[in-house]
Amino acid sequence: MLAQALRTLPIGIAYATWGGLGIILTTVIGVLVFKQKPDMAAIVGIALIVIGVVVINGFSKMSGHG
């Protein structure tokens, strides 16, 4: 799916989104499957990553391909 996204998105935006989603999904799996409980530092860190991805996708002026 990342390769498909790179056809229309700049690599920085695509990778930030891909990485952010990977971190969130890994955390959700850890909570649901392995019964892990994220501490406040983990929650704040994940929130900052999500905020960063939203800012990049919503406000960045980076142009697409070509």
Protein backbone atom coordinates (compact mmCIF):
# COMPACT_ATOMS: atom_id res chain seq x y z
CA MET A 1 0.00 0.00 0.00
CA LEU A 2 2.90 2.35 0.66
CA ALA A 3 4.10 1.87 -2.92
CA GLN A 4 0.65 2.84 -4.19
CA ALA A 5 0.61 5.95 -1.99
CA LEU A 6 4.02 7.00 -3.32
CA ARG A 7 2.52 7.32 -6.80
CA THR A 8 0.63 10.44 -5.73
CA LEU A 9 2.14 11.62 -2.42
CA PRO A 10 5.58 13.01 -1.65
CA ILE A 11 7.74 10.47 0.16
CA GLY A 12 7.93 12.53 3.37
CA ILE A 13 4.18 12.72 3.78
CA ALA A 14 3.61 9.11 2.78
CA TYR A 15 6.29 7.80 5.14
CA ALA A 16 5.10 9.93 8.07
CA THR A 17 1.58 8.61 7.62
CA TRP A 18 2.76 5.02 7.17
CA GLY A 19 4.99 5.20 10.24
CA GLY A 20 2.28 6.83 12.36
CA LEU A 21 -0.28 4.21 11.41
CA GLY A 22 2.22 1.44 12.12
CA ILE A 23 2.90 2.77 15.62
CA ILE A 24 -0.80 3.15 16.39
CA LEU A 25 -1.75 -0.29 15.06
CA THR A 26 1.14 -1.93 16.91
CA THR A 27 0.02 -0.28 20.14
CA VAL A 28 -3.59 -1.35 19.62
CA ILE A 29 -2.48 -4.94 18.98
CA GLY A 30 -0.32 -4.82 22.11
CA VAL A 31 -3.29 -3.66 24.18
CA LEU A 32 -5.86 -6.06 22.72
CA VAL A 33 -3.79 -9.20 22.17
CA PHE A 34 -1.02 -8.99 24.75
CA LYS A 35 -2.96 -7.05 27.43
CA GLN A 36 -0.25 -4.39 27.63
CA LYS A 37 -1.17 -1.07 29.20
CA PRO A 38 0.57 1.99 27.76
CA ASP A 39 1.81 4.44 30.40
CA MET A 40 1.35 8.21 30.21
CA ALA A 41 4.65 8.72 28.38
CA ALA A 42 3.59 6.25 25.67
CA ILE A 43 0.18 7.88 25.31
CA VAL A 44 1.69 11.37 25.05
CA GLY A 45 4.28 10.16 22.53
CA ILE A 46 1.65 8.50 20.35
CA ALA A 47 -0.55 11.61 20.56
CA LEU A 48 2.37 13.76 19.40
CA ILE A 49 2.99 11.43 16.47
CA VAL A 50 -0.69 11.57 15.48
CA ILE A 51 -0.70 15.36 15.78
CA GLY A 52 2.43 15.54 13.62
CA VAL A 53 0.91 13.35 10.91
CA VAL A 54 -2.29 15.43 10.93
CA VAL A 55 -0.31 18.68 10.65
CA ILE A 56 1.82 17.32 7.81
CA ASN A 57 -1.17 15.99 5.88
CA GLY A 58 -3.44 18.94 6.57
CA PHE A 59 -1.15 21.93 6.34
CA SER A 60 1.98 21.00 4.42
CA LYS A 61 2.57 22.77 1.13
CA MET A 62 4.73 19.97 -0.25
CA SER A 63 3.67 19.27 -3.80
CA GLY A 64 2.87 15.88 -5.27
CA HIS A 65 4.75 14.20 -8.08
CA GLY A 66 5.44 15.89 -11.30
